[in-house]
Amino acid sequence: MAREDLLRLLMRQVADSESSVVLSTHALSDVAAICDYVVVLAHARVVLSDDTEYIVETHRILSIVGDGDLALPPGITVIHEQRSARGRSLLVRVELPFNDDRWRVDRPTLEEIVLAYLREGSPHRDGRNVDEIENGAR
């Protein structure tokens, strides 16, 4: 209750003074509710930085049943992948619009997106993360 009151007070103050606030938190539900812009750090590096709505609009969860290795269309950057006996699920950054009936497409929450970036570090189009690039992995 106190956290909600503090956030309401903070929002009112920001609106009244037309100022900006830097908020450092692990409470991602608060971030989704009150922040216009998000910067995510992992291992002392910025791995995600953009308008909150844009982040949610440009990420999708793609799922497919079975073990087939269906190729992804151009314009897809895989952030996190999970495989199971039942199929494959990927959290991806996508250049909209994405329309491929072979995949089940869901919209992730901001929390799911941020956690995927924290798990994986900074993804690149070629699938390597920052650590692999810096260490010379090809």
C-alpha atoms as a PDB file:
ATOM      1  CA  MET A   1       0.000   0.000   0.000  1.00  0.00           C
ATOM      2  CA  ALA A   2       2.811   2.418   0.866  1.00  0.00           C
ATOM      3  CA  ARG A   3       4.573   1.707  -2.456  1.00  0.00           C
ATOM      4  CA  GLU A   4       1.387   2.476  -4.400  1.00  0.00           C
ATOM      5  CA  ASP A   5       0.921   5.721  -2.471  1.00  0.00           C
ATOM      6  CA  LEU A   6       4.523   6.689  -3.147  1.00  0.00           C
ATOM      7  CA  LEU A   7       4.136   5.974  -6.869  1.00  0.00           C
ATOM      8  CA  ARG A   8       0.920   8.024  -7.041  1.00  0.00           C
ATOM      9  CA  LEU A   9       2.627  10.917  -5.277  1.00  0.00           C
ATOM     10  CA  LEU A  10       5.627  10.651  -7.585  1.00  0.00           C
ATOM     11  CA  MET A  11       3.405  10.594 -10.691  1.00  0.00           C
ATOM     12  CA  ARG A  12       1.433  13.614  -9.498  1.00  0.00           C
ATOM     13  CA  GLN A  13       4.629  15.552  -8.755  1.00  0.00           C
ATOM     14  CA  VAL A  14       6.116  14.708 -12.150  1.00  0.00           C
ATOM     15  CA  ALA A  15       2.917  15.731 -13.943  1.00  0.00           C
ATOM     16  CA  ASP A  16       2.629  19.004 -12.008  1.00  0.00           C
ATOM     17  CA  SER A  17       6.249  20.026 -12.530  1.00  0.00           C
ATOM     18  CA  GLU A  18       6.661  18.593 -16.058  1.00  0.00           C
ATOM     19  CA  SER A  19       9.911  16.997 -14.947  1.00  0.00           C
ATOM     20  CA  SER A  20      11.577  13.650 -15.500  1.00  0.00           C
ATOM     21  CA  VAL A  21      12.497  11.021 -12.938  1.00  0.00           C
ATOM     22  CA  VAL A  22      15.036   8.237 -13.073  1.00  0.00           C
ATOM     23  CA  LEU A  23      13.596   5.215 -11.299  1.00  0.00           C
ATOM     24  CA  SER A  24      15.754   2.221 -10.482  1.00  0.00           C
ATOM     25  CA  THR A  25      13.641  -0.788  -9.554  1.00  0.00           C
ATOM     26  CA  HIS A  26      13.173  -4.515  -9.851  1.00  0.00           C
ATOM     27  CA  ALA A  27       9.382  -4.103  -9.652  1.00  0.00           C
ATOM     28  CA  LEU A  28       8.672  -4.493 -13.358  1.00  0.00           C
ATOM     29  CA  SER A  29       4.920  -4.181 -12.913  1.00  0.00           C
ATOM     30  CA  ASP A  30       5.546  -0.635 -11.650  1.00  0.00           C
ATOM     31  CA  VAL A  31       7.716   0.112 -14.660  1.00  0.00           C
ATOM     32  CA  ALA A  32       5.024  -1.024 -17.087  1.00  0.00           C
ATOM     33  CA  ALA A  33       2.418   1.077 -15.306  1.00  0.00           C
ATOM     34  CA  ILE A  34       4.258   4.381 -14.919  1.00  0.00           C
ATOM     35  CA  CYS A  35       7.329   4.629 -17.148  1.00  0.00           C
ATOM     36  CA  ASP A  36       7.408   6.092 -20.642  1.00  0.00           C
ATOM     37  CA  TYR A  37      10.982   5.004 -21.352  1.00  0.00           C
ATOM     38  CA  VAL A  38      12.940   1.972 -20.174  1.00  0.00           C
ATOM     39  CA  VAL A  39      16.671   1.328 -19.951  1.00  0.00           C
ATOM     40  CA  VAL A  40      17.725  -2.210 -18.984  1.00  0.00           C
ATOM     41  CA  LEU A  41      21.261  -2.923 -17.813  1.00  0.00           C
ATOM     42  CA  ALA A  42      22.864  -6.375 -17.731  1.00  0.00           C
ATOM     43  CA  HIS A  43      26.485  -6.918 -16.753  1.00  0.00           C
ATOM     44  CA  ALA A  44      27.070  -3.140 -16.700  1.00  0.00           C
ATOM     45  CA  ARG A  45      25.844  -2.787 -20.295  1.00  0.00           C
ATOM     46  CA  VAL A  46      22.676  -1.306 -21.765  1.00  0.00           C
ATOM     47  CA  VAL A  47      20.870  -4.251 -23.384  1.00  0.00           C
ATOM     48  CA  LEU A  48      17.550  -2.547 -24.037  1.00  0.00           C
ATOM     49  CA  SER A  49      16.677   1.125 -24.238  1.00  0.00           C
ATOM     50  CA  ASP A  50      13.509   2.494 -25.802  1.00  0.00           C
ATOM     51  CA  ASP A  51      10.003   3.810 -25.372  1.00  0.00           C
ATOM     52  CA  THR A  52       8.015   1.375 -23.202  1.00  0.00           C
ATOM     53  CA  GLU A  53       5.108   1.020 -25.633  1.00  0.00           C
ATOM     54  CA  TYR A  54       7.483   0.550 -28.560  1.00  0.00           C
ATOM     55  CA  ILE A  55       9.319  -2.224 -26.717  1.00  0.00           C
ATOM     56  CA  VAL A  56       6.084  -4.136 -26.149  1.00  0.00           C
ATOM     57  CA  GLU A  57       4.902  -3.536 -29.734  1.00  0.00           C
ATOM     58  CA  THR A  58       8.120  -4.813 -31.308  1.00  0.00           C
ATOM     59  CA  HIS A  59       8.439  -8.068 -29.375  1.00  0.00           C
ATOM     60  CA  ARG A  60       6.504 -11.292 -29.772  1.00  0.00           C
ATOM     61  CA  ILE A  61       6.483 -14.822 -28.434  1.00  0.00           C
ATOM     62  CA  LEU A  62       6.574 -17.298 -31.311  1.00  0.00           C
ATOM     63  CA  SER A  63       5.600 -20.903 -30.556  1.00  0.00           C
ATOM     64  CA  ILE A  64       5.477 -24.019 -32.662  1.00  0.00           C
ATOM     65  CA  VAL A  65       4.421 -27.536 -31.708  1.00  0.00           C
ATOM     66  CA  GLY A  66       6.792 -30.368 -32.564  1.00  0.00           C
ATOM     67  CA  ASP A  67      10.515 -30.546 -32.960  1.00  0.00           C
ATOM     68  CA  GLY A  68      10.796 -29.065 -36.446  1.00  0.00           C
ATOM     69  CA  ASP A  69      13.451 -26.439 -36.975  1.00  0.00           C
ATOM     70  CA  LEU A  70      11.314 -24.001 -38.907  1.00  0.00           C
ATOM     71  CA  ALA A  71      13.438 -21.153 -40.243  1.00  0.00           C
ATOM     72  CA  LEU A  72      12.577 -17.694 -39.038  1.00  0.00           C
ATOM     73  CA  PRO A  73      11.666 -15.049 -41.600  1.00  0.00           C
ATOM     74  CA  PRO A  74      13.962 -12.050 -42.163  1.00  0.00           C
ATOM     75  CA  GLY A  75      13.730  -9.197 -39.677  1.00  0.00           C
ATOM     76  CA  ILE A  76      13.527 -11.426 -36.593  1.00  0.00           C
ATOM     77  CA  THR A  77      16.050 -11.191 -33.746  1.00  0.00           C
ATOM     78  CA  VAL A  78      15.844 -14.033 -31.236  1.00  0.00           C
ATOM     79  CA  ILE A  79      16.169 -12.771 -27.670  1.00  0.00           C
ATOM     80  CA  HIS A  80      15.473 -16.034 -25.830  1.00  0.00           C
ATOM     81  CA  GLU A  81      14.606 -19.573 -26.917  1.00  0.00           C
ATOM     82  CA  GLN A  82      13.095 -22.468 -24.988  1.00  0.00           C
ATOM     83  CA  ARG A  83      12.804 -26.008 -26.317  1.00  0.00           C
ATOM     84  CA  SER A  84      10.798 -28.831 -24.823  1.00  0.00           C
ATOM     85  CA  ALA A  85       9.529 -32.231 -25.897  1.00  0.00           C
ATOM     86  CA  ARG A  86       6.328 -30.493 -26.995  1.00  0.00           C
ATOM     87  CA  GLY A  87       7.860 -27.781 -29.132  1.00  0.00           C
ATOM     88  CA  ARG A  88       9.763 -24.556 -29.315  1.00  0.00           C
ATOM     89  CA  SER A  89       9.066 -21.063 -27.982  1.00  0.00           C
ATOM     90  CA  LEU A  90      11.021 -17.919 -28.818  1.00  0.00           C
ATOM     91  CA  LEU A  91      10.842 -14.393 -27.517  1.00  0.00           C
ATOM     92  CA  VAL A  92      11.819 -12.249 -30.492  1.00  0.00           C
ATOM     93  CA  ARG A  93      12.225  -8.663 -31.570  1.00  0.00           C
ATOM     94  CA  VAL A  94      10.368  -8.297 -34.836  1.00  0.00           C
ATOM     95  CA  GLU A  95      10.085  -5.727 -37.551  1.00  0.00           C
ATOM     96  CA  LEU A  96       6.335  -5.335 -37.786  1.00  0.00           C
ATOM     97  CA  PRO A  97       4.143  -6.553 -39.278  1.00  0.00           C
ATOM     98  CA  PHE A  98       4.849 -10.223 -38.665  1.00  0.00           C
ATOM     99  CA  ASN A  99       2.442 -12.558 -40.407  1.00  0.00           C
ATOM    100  CA  ASP A 100       3.377 -16.234 -40.601  1.00  0.00           C
ATOM    101  CA  ASP A 101       0.621 -18.801 -40.022  1.00  0.00           C
ATOM    102  CA  ARG A 102       3.134 -21.545 -39.209  1.00  0.00           C
ATOM    103  CA  TRP A 103       3.869 -19.877 -35.851  1.00  0.00           C
ATOM    104  CA  ARG A 104       1.549 -19.160 -32.953  1.00  0.00           C
ATOM    105  CA  VAL A 105       2.133 -15.480 -32.140  1.00  0.00           C
ATOM    106  CA  ASP A 106       1.516 -13.975 -28.690  1.00  0.00           C
ATOM    107  CA  ARG A 107       2.264 -10.558 -27.234  1.00  0.00           C
ATOM    108  CA  PRO A 108       4.656 -10.705 -24.245  1.00  0.00           C
ATOM    109  CA  THR A 109       4.436  -8.496 -21.185  1.00  0.00           C
ATOM    110  CA  LEU A 110       7.134  -5.938 -20.485  1.00  0.00           C
ATOM    111  CA  GLU A 111       8.261  -8.174 -17.620  1.00  0.00           C
ATOM    112  CA  GLU A 112       8.739 -11.173 -19.945  1.00  0.00           C
ATOM    113  CA  ILE A 113      10.730  -9.023 -22.366  1.00  0.00           C
ATOM    114  CA  VAL A 114      13.004  -7.520 -19.714  1.00  0.00           C
ATOM    115  CA  LEU A 115      13.654 -10.911 -18.089  1.00  0.00           C
ATOM    116  CA  ALA A 116      14.589 -12.398 -21.474  1.00  0.00           C
ATOM    117  CA  TYR A 117      17.106  -9.611 -22.087  1.00  0.00           C
ATOM    118  CA  LEU A 118      18.552 -10.064 -18.610  1.00  0.00           C
ATOM    119  CA  ARG A 119      18.896 -13.823 -19.173  1.00  0.00           C
ATOM    120  CA  GLU A 120      20.547 -13.518 -22.544  1.00  0.00           C
ATOM    121  CA  GLY A 121      22.623 -10.344 -22.369  1.00  0.00           C
ATOM    122  CA  SER A 122      22.647  -8.203 -25.498  1.00  0.00           C
ATOM    123  CA  PRO A 123      21.461 -10.113 -28.584  1.00  0.00           C
ATOM    124  CA  HIS A 124      22.549  -9.257 -32.095  1.00  0.00           C
ATOM    125  CA  ARG A 125      21.019 -10.153 -35.455  1.00  0.00           C
ATOM    126  CA  ASP A 126      23.593 -12.896 -36.008  1.00  0.00           C
ATOM    127  CA  GLY A 127      22.550 -14.593 -32.752  1.00  0.00           C
ATOM    128  CA  ARG A 128      25.705 -13.830 -30.752  1.00  0.00           C
ATOM    129  CA  ASN A 129      25.672 -11.815 -27.557  1.00  0.00           C
ATOM    130  CA  VAL A 130      28.126  -9.091 -26.533  1.00  0.00           C
ATOM    131  CA  ASP A 131      30.380 -11.472 -24.567  1.00  0.00           C
ATOM    132  CA  GLU A 132      30.748 -13.824 -27.549  1.00  0.00           C
ATOM    133  CA  ILE A 133      31.617 -10.958 -29.897  1.00  0.00           C
ATOM    134  CA  GLU A 134      34.165  -9.485 -27.501  1.00  0.00           C
ATOM    135  CA  ASN A 135      35.772 -12.907 -27.014  1.00  0.00           C
ATOM    136  CA  GLY A 136      36.049 -13.460 -30.770  1.00  0.00           C
ATOM    137  CA  ALA A 137      33.414 -16.196 -31.157  1.00  0.00           C
ATOM    138  CA  ARG A 138      32.130 -16.556 -34.715  1.00  0.00           C
END
